[in-house]
Each structure stands twice: as C-alpha cells, then as structure tokens.
Amino acid sequence: MALPQRFKRFLFEKSLVPPRKWRPIATFVVALIVGLGFFLLDFSNASSYLSDDPQACVNCHIMQPQYVTWTHSSHREVANCNDCHVPHNNIANKYFFKAKDGLYHASVFTMRGEPEVIQARQPSIEVIQANCIRCHQDQVTDAKMETFVADHASNRLDRTCWECHRDVPHGRVRSLSSVGAQIEPIKEYSSSDLSVIPTWLKESMDKQKSKPN
C-alpha cells in the first residue's frame, strides 16, 4: 500500500528517511528491533501481567518466598497479590503503578541485584497500608477495640498494620534461603498432567486401594 504524499513529504522534511543506499540496512535493523521486541514479549509472558493471577509474580521475579508463604496463608482465599500491592482508587492508576513497579522489579532481576530479603519501598508501603484499611475498615473502626487495645485509635492510624500483624500474609521468615527451594510450578510452563504426588507413591496408593479388605 502506497504512503500518502503528505506523509512522505513529512518524512523527508524531517530527515526520517535514510539515504537510498542505507535503506536496506535501516530496514533490517528496524525489523530486527521489532522482532526482538515481540520475542521478548512472548518469552516473558508479558500478557500475564495484565491479569490478577498471582503466578504472574513468579514468572521471572524472585518472588518464590512471597508466593509460597501467601499460598499457605488465609489470605489466599480472599485476596491475590494485586488486591494488596496496587492502588484501587481508579483503573488508570492501578495499571500505571503496576507498570512502574514491574519495570523496576524486572530491571533489578535482570541486573541480578535482588536482595536476600525483599522489602517494600515507601510507595508500596503506602499502597499496602491503604489496601489493608480498605479491606478491613470494619475492624479498624470497631469501637469495641478501644476497650481492650491500648491507644487503638492512634495505633491504627499512626503505624502500619503489619507492625502488629507481622505474620500476615507472608509469615515472619521469608528470605530466599528459608523457602527458596520450594519453587511452585508455574501453570504457563507446566504440563497439564503435572502432579505434586510422586509416581511411585501414587502407584503404591492405588495398589493399597485395590486390595480387598
């Protein structure tokens, strides 16, 4: 399809078109960059980050300790990663924060600069605290708490929730050395017949079931 004359004129006036002898090389370089871009998007499973699936957080990030401890917590039944770790005041701010935080995490992971124990930065702390209050507003504003929790009014407003509730939902011990070996299978890269029960144990169980009482 031929380009409009006005658009062609604009490209030449702004020197956006290389000289004729360099056009094959320029075309190859642009095609290479675009191809690598699509390859990286597919290889990193980038579309999963648009979802609320917690397994997206362990696609490439060093988040196995956080993911494993969450799967063993009560929060797994009612909240996923995005419920706590991204803003919910509007959809634009949610995905802007996800993109900004995700690019930072991906950069640290790519440069192999992740710390032994991952800690939230100040913007994340503010978002997590706001989401704690958003979900637990009834408990935070419960007047009965004043009768048996000293200075409950100031404690619930002037401190982060996890200063007291520090084991929710990731547990107290969550470093790479403590649970790093417990790597969860990722659905995107695992076979459909993957089972956590070893084959030998499953066969033994089946034999026991088949024996007459």
N, C-alpha and C. Protein backbone atom coordinates (compact mmCIF):
# COMPACT_ATOMS: atom_id res chain seq x y z
N MET A 1 0.86 -1.19 0.00
CA MET A 1 0.00 0.00 0.00
C MET A 1 0.89 1.24 0.00
N ALA A 2 0.64 2.14 -0.94
CA ALA A 2 1.45 3.36 -1.07
C ALA A 2 1.14 4.34 0.06
N LEU A 3 2.20 5.02 0.51
CA LEU A 3 2.02 6.01 1.56
C LEU A 3 1.46 7.30 0.97
N PRO A 4 0.63 8.03 1.71
CA PRO A 4 0.13 9.32 1.23
C PRO A 4 1.27 10.29 0.96
N GLN A 5 1.10 11.12 -0.05
CA GLN A 5 2.15 12.05 -0.43
C GLN A 5 2.51 13.00 0.72
N ARG A 6 1.50 13.44 1.46
CA ARG A 6 1.76 14.37 2.57
C ARG A 6 2.63 13.71 3.63
N PHE A 7 2.37 12.42 3.90
CA PHE A 7 3.16 11.70 4.90
C PHE A 7 4.59 11.50 4.41
N LYS A 8 4.75 11.17 3.10
CA LYS A 8 6.08 11.02 2.53
C LYS A 8 6.87 12.32 2.64
N ARG A 9 6.20 13.45 2.32
CA ARG A 9 6.87 14.74 2.38
C ARG A 9 7.33 15.04 3.80
N PHE A 10 6.46 14.70 4.78
CA PHE A 10 6.81 14.92 6.19
C PHE A 10 8.06 14.12 6.56
N LEU A 11 8.13 12.84 6.14
CA LEU A 11 9.28 12.01 6.47
C LEU A 11 10.58 12.57 5.89
N PHE A 12 10.52 13.04 4.65
CA PHE A 12 11.73 13.58 4.02
C PHE A 12 12.12 14.91 4.62
N GLU A 13 11.12 15.77 4.93
CA GLU A 13 11.42 17.08 5.50
C GLU A 13 12.07 16.95 6.87
N LYS A 14 11.66 15.95 7.65
CA LYS A 14 12.21 15.76 9.00
C LYS A 14 13.43 14.82 9.01
N SER A 15 13.90 14.46 7.81
CA SER A 15 15.08 13.59 7.68
C SER A 15 14.88 12.25 8.40
N LEU A 16 13.65 11.74 8.32
CA LEU A 16 13.33 10.47 8.95
C LEU A 16 13.54 9.29 8.00
N VAL A 17 13.85 9.59 6.76
CA VAL A 17 14.11 8.54 5.77
C VAL A 17 15.60 8.54 5.47
N PRO A 18 16.29 7.42 5.64
CA PRO A 18 17.74 7.38 5.37
C PRO A 18 18.02 7.47 3.88
N PRO A 19 19.26 7.82 3.51
CA PRO A 19 19.63 7.81 2.08
C PRO A 19 19.36 6.45 1.45
N ARG A 20 19.16 6.44 0.14
CA ARG A 20 18.74 5.22 -0.55
C ARG A 20 19.68 4.04 -0.30
N LYS A 21 21.00 4.29 -0.28
CA LYS A 21 21.95 3.18 -0.13
C LYS A 21 21.91 2.57 1.28
N TRP A 22 21.38 3.36 2.26
CA TRP A 22 21.31 2.85 3.63
C TRP A 22 19.95 2.25 3.97
N ARG A 23 19.00 2.35 3.07
CA ARG A 23 17.64 1.89 3.39
C ARG A 23 17.55 0.40 3.66
N PRO A 24 18.22 -0.48 2.89
CA PRO A 24 18.15 -1.92 3.22
C PRO A 24 18.67 -2.23 4.63
N ILE A 25 19.79 -1.57 5.00
CA ILE A 25 20.35 -1.80 6.34
C ILE A 25 19.42 -1.27 7.41
N ALA A 26 18.87 -0.05 7.16
CA ALA A 26 17.95 0.54 8.13
C ALA A 26 16.70 -0.32 8.29
N THR A 27 16.19 -0.84 7.17
CA THR A 27 15.01 -1.70 7.22
C THR A 27 15.30 -2.97 8.02
N PHE A 28 16.49 -3.54 7.80
CA PHE A 28 16.88 -4.75 8.53
C PHE A 28 16.98 -4.47 10.03
N VAL A 29 17.61 -3.34 10.40
CA VAL A 29 17.79 -3.01 11.81
C VAL A 29 16.43 -2.79 12.49
N VAL A 30 15.54 -2.05 11.82
CA VAL A 30 14.21 -1.80 12.39
C VAL A 30 13.44 -3.11 12.54
N ALA A 31 13.50 -3.96 11.51
CA ALA A 31 12.81 -5.25 11.58
C ALA A 31 13.39 -6.12 12.70
N LEU A 32 14.72 -6.06 12.89
CA LEU A 32 15.36 -6.82 13.95
C LEU A 32 14.90 -6.35 15.33
N ILE A 33 14.84 -5.03 15.51
CA ILE A 33 14.40 -4.48 16.80
C ILE A 33 12.95 -4.85 17.08
N VAL A 34 12.09 -4.70 16.07
CA VAL A 34 10.67 -5.05 16.25
C VAL A 34 10.52 -6.54 16.54
N GLY A 35 11.26 -7.38 15.79
CA GLY A 35 11.18 -8.82 16.02
C GLY A 35 11.65 -9.21 17.41
N LEU A 36 12.75 -8.62 17.87
CA LEU A 36 13.24 -8.91 19.21
C LEU A 36 12.24 -8.44 20.27
N GLY A 37 11.59 -7.31 19.99
CA GLY A 37 10.58 -6.82 20.92
C GLY A 37 9.43 -7.80 21.08
N PHE A 38 8.91 -8.31 19.96
CA PHE A 38 7.83 -9.29 20.02
C PHE A 38 8.30 -10.59 20.67
N PHE A 39 9.54 -10.98 20.40
CA PHE A 39 10.09 -12.19 21.02
C PHE A 39 10.15 -12.05 22.54
N LEU A 40 10.64 -10.90 23.02
CA LEU A 40 10.74 -10.68 24.45
C LEU A 40 9.37 -10.64 25.11
N LEU A 41 8.39 -10.03 24.43
CA LEU A 41 7.03 -10.00 24.98
C LEU A 41 6.47 -11.41 25.12
N ASP A 42 6.73 -12.25 24.11
CA ASP A 42 6.24 -13.63 24.18
C ASP A 42 7.04 -14.46 25.18
N PHE A 43 8.36 -14.30 25.18
CA PHE A 43 9.22 -15.11 26.05
C PHE A 43 8.96 -14.80 27.52
N SER A 44 8.70 -13.55 27.84
CA SER A 44 8.46 -13.15 29.23
C SER A 44 7.01 -13.32 29.65
N ASN A 45 6.16 -13.80 28.71
CA ASN A 45 4.74 -13.96 29.00
C ASN A 45 4.14 -12.65 29.51
N ALA A 46 4.43 -11.57 28.78
CA ALA A 46 4.06 -10.22 29.23
C ALA A 46 2.57 -10.04 29.42
N SER A 47 1.76 -10.75 28.64
CA SER A 47 0.31 -10.57 28.75
C SER A 47 -0.22 -10.99 30.12
N SER A 48 0.50 -11.88 30.81
CA SER A 48 0.03 -12.35 32.12
C SER A 48 0.03 -11.23 33.15
N TYR A 49 0.87 -10.20 32.93
CA TYR A 49 0.94 -9.11 33.90
C TYR A 49 -0.27 -8.19 33.84
N LEU A 50 -1.11 -8.37 32.84
CA LEU A 50 -2.35 -7.60 32.77
C LEU A 50 -3.44 -8.25 33.61
N SER A 51 -3.20 -9.46 34.07
CA SER A 51 -4.19 -10.19 34.84
C SER A 51 -3.93 -10.02 36.33
N ASP A 52 -4.81 -10.64 37.13
CA ASP A 52 -4.64 -10.64 38.58
C ASP A 52 -4.16 -12.00 39.10
N ASP A 53 -3.63 -12.82 38.20
CA ASP A 53 -3.16 -14.16 38.58
C ASP A 53 -1.88 -14.03 39.41
N PRO A 54 -1.87 -14.53 40.64
CA PRO A 54 -0.67 -14.43 41.48
C PRO A 54 0.56 -15.09 40.86
N GLN A 55 0.36 -16.09 40.00
CA GLN A 55 1.52 -16.76 39.41
C GLN A 55 2.29 -15.85 38.44
N ALA A 56 1.66 -14.77 38.01
CA ALA A 56 2.39 -13.82 37.16
C ALA A 56 3.56 -13.20 37.92
N CYS A 57 3.45 -13.13 39.24
CA CYS A 57 4.51 -12.52 40.04
C CYS A 57 5.75 -13.38 40.12
N VAL A 58 5.63 -14.67 39.81
CA VAL A 58 6.80 -15.54 39.87
C VAL A 58 7.21 -16.02 38.48
N ASN A 59 6.72 -15.34 37.43
CA ASN A 59 7.17 -15.66 36.08
C ASN A 59 8.67 -15.48 35.95
N CYS A 60 9.17 -14.35 36.43
CA CYS A 60 10.61 -14.10 36.35
C CYS A 60 11.14 -13.43 37.61
N HIS A 61 10.29 -12.82 38.39
CA HIS A 61 10.76 -12.16 39.60
C HIS A 61 11.21 -13.18 40.64
N ILE A 62 12.09 -12.77 41.53
CA ILE A 62 12.50 -13.63 42.63
C ILE A 62 11.47 -13.46 43.74
N MET A 63 10.30 -14.01 43.51
CA MET A 63 9.20 -13.85 44.44
C MET A 63 8.69 -15.18 44.98
N GLN A 64 9.48 -16.25 44.83
CA GLN A 64 9.04 -17.55 45.32
C GLN A 64 8.72 -17.54 46.82
N PRO A 65 9.58 -16.93 47.67
CA PRO A 65 9.24 -16.92 49.11
C PRO A 65 7.91 -16.23 49.38
N GLN A 66 7.69 -15.10 48.71
CA GLN A 66 6.44 -14.38 48.93
C GLN A 66 5.24 -15.18 48.41
N TYR A 67 5.43 -15.82 47.26
CA TYR A 67 4.33 -16.59 46.67
C TYR A 67 4.02 -17.82 47.52
N VAL A 68 5.06 -18.55 47.94
CA VAL A 68 4.86 -19.77 48.72
C VAL A 68 4.20 -19.46 50.06
N THR A 69 4.68 -18.41 50.74
CA THR A 69 4.10 -18.08 52.04
C THR A 69 2.66 -17.59 51.89
N TRP A 70 2.37 -16.88 50.79
CA TRP A 70 0.98 -16.46 50.56
C TRP A 70 0.06 -17.67 50.34
N THR A 71 0.54 -18.68 49.59
CA THR A 71 -0.30 -19.85 49.32
C THR A 71 -0.61 -20.64 50.59
N HIS A 72 0.18 -20.44 51.65
CA HIS A 72 -0.08 -21.13 52.91
C HIS A 72 -0.76 -20.22 53.93
N SER A 73 -1.25 -19.09 53.49
CA SER A 73 -1.90 -18.15 54.40
C SER A 73 -3.40 -18.13 54.18
N SER A 74 -4.12 -17.55 55.12
CA SER A 74 -5.57 -17.43 54.99
C SER A 74 -5.95 -16.43 53.90
N HIS A 75 -5.05 -15.52 53.57
CA HIS A 75 -5.35 -14.52 52.55
C HIS A 75 -5.52 -15.11 51.16
N ARG A 76 -4.98 -16.30 50.93
CA ARG A 76 -5.06 -16.89 49.59
C ARG A 76 -6.52 -17.12 49.16
N GLU A 77 -7.44 -17.23 50.13
CA GLU A 77 -8.84 -17.48 49.82
C GLU A 77 -9.59 -16.21 49.46
N VAL A 78 -9.06 -15.06 49.85
CA VAL A 78 -9.83 -13.83 49.70
C VAL A 78 -9.09 -12.71 48.97
N ALA A 79 -7.78 -12.84 48.82
CA ALA A 79 -7.02 -11.74 48.22
C ALA A 79 -5.85 -12.29 47.41
N ASN A 80 -5.61 -11.66 46.26
CA ASN A 80 -4.42 -12.00 45.47
C ASN A 80 -3.40 -10.89 45.60
N CYS A 81 -2.29 -11.01 44.88
CA CYS A 81 -1.20 -10.03 45.01
C CYS A 81 -1.67 -8.61 44.70
N ASN A 82 -2.45 -8.47 43.62
CA ASN A 82 -2.88 -7.13 43.21
C ASN A 82 -3.86 -6.51 44.19
N ASP A 83 -4.60 -7.32 44.93
CA ASP A 83 -5.52 -6.76 45.92
C ASP A 83 -4.78 -5.96 46.98
N CYS A 84 -3.55 -6.36 47.27
CA CYS A 84 -2.78 -5.70 48.32
C CYS A 84 -1.73 -4.73 47.78
N HIS A 85 -1.15 -5.03 46.62
CA HIS A 85 0.08 -4.35 46.21
C HIS A 85 -0.09 -3.30 45.13
N VAL A 86 -1.30 -3.05 44.64
CA VAL A 86 -1.52 -1.98 43.67
C VAL A 86 -2.69 -1.12 44.13
N PRO A 87 -2.73 0.15 43.75
CA PRO A 87 -3.83 1.02 44.16
C PRO A 87 -5.15 0.59 43.52
N HIS A 88 -6.24 0.95 44.18
CA HIS A 88 -7.57 0.60 43.66
C HIS A 88 -8.49 1.81 43.60
N ASN A 89 -7.89 3.01 43.58
CA ASN A 89 -8.73 4.21 43.51
C ASN A 89 -9.26 4.44 42.10
N ASN A 90 -8.51 4.02 41.06
CA ASN A 90 -9.02 4.05 39.69
C ASN A 90 -8.18 3.12 38.82
N ILE A 91 -8.74 2.70 37.70
CA ILE A 91 -8.10 1.68 36.86
C ILE A 91 -6.81 2.19 36.23
N ALA A 92 -6.76 3.48 35.89
CA ALA A 92 -5.56 4.03 35.27
C ALA A 92 -4.39 4.01 36.25
N ASN A 93 -4.65 4.42 37.48
CA ASN A 93 -3.58 4.44 38.48
C ASN A 93 -3.12 3.02 38.82
N LYS A 94 -4.05 2.07 38.79
CA LYS A 94 -3.70 0.67 39.07
C LYS A 94 -2.65 0.17 38.07
N TYR A 95 -2.93 0.35 36.77
CA TYR A 95 -2.01 -0.20 35.77
C TYR A 95 -0.76 0.66 35.61
N PHE A 96 -0.86 1.95 35.91
CA PHE A 96 0.35 2.78 35.91
C PHE A 96 1.30 2.33 37.00
N PHE A 97 0.75 2.07 38.19
CA PHE A 97 1.58 1.62 39.31
C PHE A 97 2.16 0.24 39.02
N LYS A 98 1.34 -0.66 38.43
CA LYS A 98 1.84 -1.99 38.08
C LYS A 98 3.00 -1.89 37.09
N ALA A 99 2.85 -1.05 36.08
CA ALA A 99 3.90 -0.91 35.06
C ALA A 99 5.17 -0.32 35.67
N LYS A 100 5.02 0.72 36.48
CA LYS A 100 6.19 1.36 37.10
C LYS A 100 6.91 0.40 38.04
N ASP A 101 6.16 -0.27 38.90
CA ASP A 101 6.76 -1.20 39.85
C ASP A 101 7.34 -2.42 39.12
N GLY A 102 6.62 -2.89 38.10
CA GLY A 102 7.08 -4.06 37.36
C GLY A 102 8.37 -3.80 36.62
N LEU A 103 8.50 -2.63 36.01
CA LEU A 103 9.73 -2.29 35.30
C LEU A 103 10.91 -2.20 36.27
N TYR A 104 10.65 -1.67 37.45
CA TYR A 104 11.71 -1.58 38.46
C TYR A 104 12.13 -2.99 38.89
N HIS A 105 11.15 -3.85 39.17
CA HIS A 105 11.47 -5.21 39.60
C HIS A 105 12.21 -5.97 38.50
N ALA A 106 11.73 -5.84 37.26
CA ALA A 106 12.37 -6.54 36.15
C ALA A 106 13.80 -6.06 35.95
N SER A 107 14.05 -4.77 36.13
CA SER A 107 15.40 -4.23 35.98
C SER A 107 16.33 -4.78 37.04
N VAL A 108 15.85 -4.83 38.29
CA VAL A 108 16.68 -5.36 39.38
C VAL A 108 16.97 -6.84 39.13
N PHE A 109 15.95 -7.59 38.70
CA PHE A 109 16.13 -9.02 38.45
C PHE A 109 17.12 -9.26 37.30
N THR A 110 16.98 -8.48 36.22
CA THR A 110 17.85 -8.64 35.06
C THR A 110 19.30 -8.35 35.42
N MET A 111 19.53 -7.35 36.27
CA MET A 111 20.88 -6.99 36.68
C MET A 111 21.39 -7.84 37.85
N ARG A 112 20.56 -8.82 38.28
CA ARG A 112 20.90 -9.70 39.39
C ARG A 112 21.24 -8.90 40.64
N GLY A 113 20.41 -7.91 40.92
CA GLY A 113 20.66 -7.08 42.08
C GLY A 113 19.65 -7.26 43.19
N GLU A 114 18.87 -8.37 43.15
CA GLU A 114 17.85 -8.57 44.18
C GLU A 114 18.49 -8.86 45.53
N PRO A 115 17.94 -8.32 46.61
CA PRO A 115 18.49 -8.56 47.95
C PRO A 115 18.08 -9.94 48.47
N GLU A 116 18.75 -10.39 49.51
CA GLU A 116 18.40 -11.67 50.14
C GLU A 116 16.98 -11.64 50.69
N VAL A 117 16.63 -10.53 51.34
CA VAL A 117 15.28 -10.36 51.87
C VAL A 117 14.66 -9.15 51.17
N ILE A 118 13.58 -9.38 50.47
CA ILE A 118 12.92 -8.31 49.71
C ILE A 118 12.03 -7.52 50.65
N GLN A 119 12.16 -6.21 50.61
CA GLN A 119 11.35 -5.32 51.44
C GLN A 119 10.67 -4.28 50.56
N ALA A 120 9.47 -3.89 50.97
CA ALA A 120 8.69 -2.93 50.20
C ALA A 120 9.31 -1.54 50.30
N ARG A 121 9.29 -0.81 49.18
CA ARG A 121 9.73 0.59 49.19
C ARG A 121 8.58 1.47 49.69
N GLN A 122 8.88 2.74 49.93
CA GLN A 122 7.91 3.64 50.55
C GLN A 122 6.61 3.77 49.73
N PRO A 123 6.66 3.94 48.40
CA PRO A 123 5.39 3.99 47.65
C PRO A 123 4.56 2.73 47.81
N SER A 124 5.22 1.58 47.85
CA SER A 124 4.50 0.32 48.03
C SER A 124 3.93 0.21 49.43
N ILE A 125 4.67 0.69 50.42
CA ILE A 125 4.19 0.67 51.80
C ILE A 125 2.89 1.46 51.92
N GLU A 126 2.84 2.63 51.29
CA GLU A 126 1.64 3.45 51.35
C GLU A 126 0.45 2.76 50.68
N VAL A 127 0.70 2.09 49.56
CA VAL A 127 -0.38 1.39 48.85
C VAL A 127 -0.87 0.21 49.68
N ILE A 128 0.05 -0.58 50.24
CA ILE A 128 -0.34 -1.74 51.03
C ILE A 128 -1.15 -1.31 52.25
N GLN A 129 -0.69 -0.26 52.92
CA GLN A 129 -1.40 0.21 54.10
C GLN A 129 -2.82 0.67 53.74
N ALA A 130 -2.95 1.38 52.63
CA ALA A 130 -4.27 1.84 52.20
C ALA A 130 -5.18 0.66 51.88
N ASN A 131 -4.62 -0.40 51.31
CA ASN A 131 -5.43 -1.57 50.98
C ASN A 131 -5.79 -2.38 52.22
N CYS A 132 -4.92 -2.40 53.22
CA CYS A 132 -5.28 -3.04 54.49
C CYS A 132 -6.52 -2.38 55.08
N ILE A 133 -6.50 -1.06 55.10
CA ILE A 133 -7.63 -0.32 55.67
C ILE A 133 -8.86 -0.47 54.79
N ARG A 134 -8.67 -0.50 53.48
CA ARG A 134 -9.81 -0.65 52.56
C ARG A 134 -10.55 -1.96 52.80
N CYS A 135 -9.81 -3.04 53.01
CA CYS A 135 -10.45 -4.34 53.19
C CYS A 135 -10.92 -4.58 54.63
N HIS A 136 -10.21 -3.98 55.58
CA HIS A 136 -10.50 -4.25 56.99
C HIS A 136 -11.05 -3.01 57.70
N GLN A 137 -11.81 -2.23 56.97
CA GLN A 137 -12.31 -0.97 57.54
C GLN A 137 -13.17 -1.21 58.77
N ASP A 138 -13.99 -2.26 58.75
CA ASP A 138 -14.86 -2.53 59.90
C ASP A 138 -14.05 -2.82 61.15
N GLN A 139 -12.96 -3.59 60.99
CA GLN A 139 -12.12 -3.88 62.16
C GLN A 139 -11.35 -2.66 62.62
N VAL A 140 -10.90 -1.85 61.67
CA VAL A 140 -10.11 -0.66 62.03
C VAL A 140 -10.95 0.35 62.77
N THR A 141 -12.22 0.46 62.42
CA THR A 141 -13.09 1.47 63.04
C THR A 141 -13.97 0.89 64.14
N ASP A 142 -13.73 -0.35 64.54
CA ASP A 142 -14.56 -1.00 65.56
C ASP A 142 -14.37 -0.32 66.91
N ALA A 143 -15.44 0.23 67.45
CA ALA A 143 -15.35 0.96 68.72
C ALA A 143 -15.03 0.01 69.87
N LYS A 144 -15.42 -1.26 69.77
CA LYS A 144 -15.17 -2.21 70.87
C LYS A 144 -13.68 -2.42 71.09
N MET A 145 -12.87 -2.20 70.03
CA MET A 145 -11.42 -2.39 70.17
C MET A 145 -10.82 -1.44 71.19
N GLU A 146 -11.46 -0.29 71.39
CA GLU A 146 -10.93 0.70 72.33
C GLU A 146 -10.93 0.16 73.75
N THR A 147 -11.79 -0.80 74.03
CA THR A 147 -11.92 -1.28 75.42
C THR A 147 -10.80 -2.22 75.82
N PHE A 148 -10.15 -2.89 74.85
CA PHE A 148 -9.11 -3.85 75.25
C PHE A 148 -7.80 -3.71 74.49
N VAL A 149 -7.67 -2.70 73.63
CA VAL A 149 -6.40 -2.42 72.97
C VAL A 149 -5.99 -0.99 73.33
N ALA A 150 -4.88 -0.86 74.02
CA ALA A 150 -4.45 0.46 74.48
C ALA A 150 -4.10 1.36 73.29
N ASP A 151 -4.60 2.60 73.34
CA ASP A 151 -4.31 3.60 72.30
C ASP A 151 -4.63 3.07 70.90
N HIS A 152 -5.74 2.37 70.79
CA HIS A 152 -6.07 1.75 69.50
C HIS A 152 -6.27 2.80 68.41
N ALA A 153 -6.85 3.93 68.76
CA ALA A 153 -7.11 4.97 67.76
C ALA A 153 -5.83 5.46 67.12
N SER A 154 -4.81 5.73 67.93
CA SER A 154 -3.55 6.22 67.38
C SER A 154 -2.76 5.10 66.71
N ASN A 155 -2.81 3.92 67.30
CA ASN A 155 -2.04 2.81 66.74
C ASN A 155 -2.54 2.42 65.35
N ARG A 156 -3.83 2.52 65.14
CA ARG A 156 -4.37 2.09 63.85
C ARG A 156 -4.16 3.14 62.77
N LEU A 157 -3.84 4.37 63.14
CA LEU A 157 -3.66 5.44 62.17
C LEU A 157 -2.20 5.86 62.01
N ASP A 158 -1.43 5.80 63.08
CA ASP A 158 -0.06 6.31 63.06
C ASP A 158 0.98 5.23 62.77
N ARG A 159 0.57 3.98 62.68
CA ARG A 159 1.50 2.89 62.43
C ARG A 159 0.99 2.04 61.27
N THR A 160 1.89 1.29 60.66
CA THR A 160 1.44 0.36 59.62
C THR A 160 0.83 -0.88 60.29
N CYS A 161 -0.12 -1.48 59.62
CA CYS A 161 -0.84 -2.61 60.19
C CYS A 161 0.09 -3.77 60.53
N TRP A 162 1.12 -3.99 59.69
CA TRP A 162 1.98 -5.16 59.88
C TRP A 162 3.03 -4.96 60.96
N GLU A 163 3.05 -3.81 61.61
CA GLU A 163 3.90 -3.70 62.80
C GLU A 163 3.40 -4.62 63.90
N CYS A 164 2.07 -4.83 63.92
CA CYS A 164 1.48 -5.78 64.87
C CYS A 164 1.17 -7.12 64.20
N HIS A 165 0.55 -7.04 63.03
CA HIS A 165 0.13 -8.25 62.32
C HIS A 165 1.24 -8.65 61.35
N ARG A 166 2.41 -8.91 61.86
CA ARG A 166 3.60 -9.07 61.02
C ARG A 166 3.66 -10.43 60.33
N ASP A 167 2.87 -11.38 60.78
CA ASP A 167 2.90 -12.70 60.15
C ASP A 167 1.85 -12.86 59.05
N VAL A 168 1.14 -11.78 58.73
CA VAL A 168 0.07 -11.85 57.73
C VAL A 168 0.47 -11.02 56.52
N PRO A 169 0.39 -11.56 55.30
CA PRO A 169 0.10 -12.96 54.99
C PRO A 169 1.35 -13.76 54.63
N HIS A 170 2.54 -13.16 54.79
CA HIS A 170 3.75 -13.82 54.27
C HIS A 170 4.59 -14.51 55.34
N GLY A 171 4.15 -14.50 56.56
CA GLY A 171 4.94 -15.15 57.60
C GLY A 171 6.13 -14.31 58.02
N ARG A 172 6.75 -14.70 59.11
CA ARG A 172 7.86 -13.91 59.64
C ARG A 172 9.17 -14.23 58.93
N VAL A 173 9.39 -15.48 58.55
CA VAL A 173 10.62 -15.90 57.88
C VAL A 173 10.32 -16.08 56.41
N ARG A 174 10.89 -15.24 55.56
CA ARG A 174 10.54 -15.28 54.14
C ARG A 174 11.73 -14.90 53.24
N SER A 175 12.91 -15.27 53.64
CA SER A 175 14.09 -14.96 52.82
C SER A 175 14.28 -16.03 51.76
N LEU A 176 15.15 -15.75 50.79
CA LEU A 176 15.43 -16.71 49.74
C LEU A 176 16.03 -17.99 50.30
N SER A 177 16.82 -17.88 51.38
CA SER A 177 17.45 -19.06 51.95
C SER A 177 16.47 -19.91 52.76
N SER A 178 15.37 -19.31 53.22
CA SER A 178 14.44 -20.05 54.07
C SER A 178 13.43 -20.87 53.27
N VAL A 179 12.91 -20.31 52.19
CA VAL A 179 11.91 -21.04 51.40
C VAL A 179 12.24 -21.02 49.92
N GLY A 180 13.46 -20.67 49.57
CA GLY A 180 13.82 -20.54 48.17
C GLY A 180 13.76 -21.84 47.40
N ALA A 181 13.91 -22.98 48.10
CA ALA A 181 13.90 -24.26 47.41
C ALA A 181 12.49 -24.72 47.08
N GLN A 182 11.49 -24.11 47.69
CA GLN A 182 10.11 -24.52 47.46
C GLN A 182 9.55 -23.77 46.24
N ILE A 183 10.02 -24.14 45.07
CA ILE A 183 9.62 -23.45 43.85
C ILE A 183 8.29 -24.00 43.38
N GLU A 184 7.30 -23.15 43.28
CA GLU A 184 5.98 -23.57 42.85
C GLU A 184 5.93 -23.78 41.34
N PRO A 185 5.21 -24.81 40.85
CA PRO A 185 5.08 -24.99 39.40
C PRO A 185 4.25 -23.86 38.79
N ILE A 186 4.72 -23.32 37.69
CA ILE A 186 4.01 -22.25 37.00
C ILE A 186 3.12 -22.86 35.93
N LYS A 187 1.85 -22.55 35.96
CA LYS A 187 0.90 -23.15 35.03
C LYS A 187 1.29 -22.91 33.58
N GLU A 188 1.84 -21.74 33.29
CA GLU A 188 2.17 -21.37 31.92
C GLU A 188 3.22 -22.31 31.34
N TYR A 189 4.12 -22.83 32.18
CA TYR A 189 5.23 -23.63 31.70
C TYR A 189 5.18 -25.08 32.17
N SER A 190 4.10 -25.50 32.80
CA SER A 190 3.98 -26.85 33.33
C SER A 190 3.02 -27.67 32.49
N SER A 191 3.27 -28.96 32.42
CA SER A 191 2.38 -29.84 31.67
C SER A 191 1.05 -29.99 32.40
N SER A 192 0.01 -30.31 31.65
CA SER A 192 -1.33 -30.39 32.22
C SER A 192 -1.48 -31.55 33.20
N ASP A 193 -0.64 -32.58 33.06
CA ASP A 193 -0.74 -33.75 33.94
C ASP A 193 0.24 -33.68 35.11
N LEU A 194 0.80 -32.50 35.37
CA LEU A 194 1.74 -32.36 36.47
C LEU A 194 1.05 -32.64 37.80
N SER A 195 1.69 -33.41 38.65
CA SER A 195 1.13 -33.76 39.95
C SER A 195 2.19 -33.58 41.02
N VAL A 196 1.75 -33.15 42.21
CA VAL A 196 2.67 -32.98 43.33
C VAL A 196 2.96 -34.32 44.01
N ILE A 197 2.18 -35.36 43.65
CA ILE A 197 2.39 -36.69 44.23
C ILE A 197 3.36 -37.47 43.35
N PRO A 198 4.48 -37.97 43.89
CA PRO A 198 5.42 -38.75 43.07
C PRO A 198 4.75 -39.98 42.48
N THR A 199 5.24 -40.42 41.32
CA THR A 199 4.64 -41.56 40.63
C THR A 199 4.67 -42.81 41.49
N TRP A 200 5.81 -43.07 42.15
CA TRP A 200 5.92 -44.29 42.97
C TRP A 200 4.92 -44.29 44.12
N LEU A 201 4.68 -43.11 44.70
CA LEU A 201 3.73 -43.03 45.81
C LEU A 201 2.30 -43.20 45.31
N LYS A 202 2.01 -42.62 44.15
CA LYS A 202 0.67 -42.76 43.58
C LYS A 202 0.37 -44.22 43.24
N GLU A 203 1.38 -44.94 42.67
CA GLU A 203 1.18 -46.35 42.35
C GLU A 203 0.97 -47.18 43.61
N SER A 204 1.72 -46.86 44.65
CA SER A 204 1.57 -47.57 45.91
C SER A 204 0.19 -47.34 46.52
N MET A 205 -0.29 -46.12 46.43
CA MET A 205 -1.62 -45.81 46.95
C MET A 205 -2.70 -46.53 46.17
N ASP A 206 -2.53 -46.59 44.84
CA ASP A 206 -3.51 -47.29 44.02
C ASP A 206 -3.54 -48.78 44.35
N LYS A 207 -2.38 -49.37 44.61
CA LYS A 207 -2.33 -50.79 44.97
C LYS A 207 -3.03 -51.04 46.29
N GLN A 208 -2.83 -50.12 47.24
CA GLN A 208 -3.47 -50.29 48.53
C GLN A 208 -4.99 -50.20 48.40
N LYS A 209 -5.44 -49.32 47.54
CA LYS A 209 -6.89 -49.16 47.33
C LYS A 209 -7.50 -50.40 46.67
N SER A 210 -6.73 -51.03 45.78
CA SER A 210 -7.25 -52.17 45.02
C SER A 210 -7.25 -53.46 45.83
N LYS A 211 -6.54 -53.49 46.96
CA LYS A 211 -6.52 -54.70 47.78
C LYS A 211 -7.86 -54.91 48.46
N PRO A 212 -8.35 -56.14 48.50
CA PRO A 212 -9.62 -56.41 49.18
C PRO A 212 -9.48 -56.23 50.69
N ASN A 213 -10.52 -55.73 51.31
CA ASN A 213 -10.49 -55.53 52.76
C ASN A 213 -10.55 -56.87 53.50
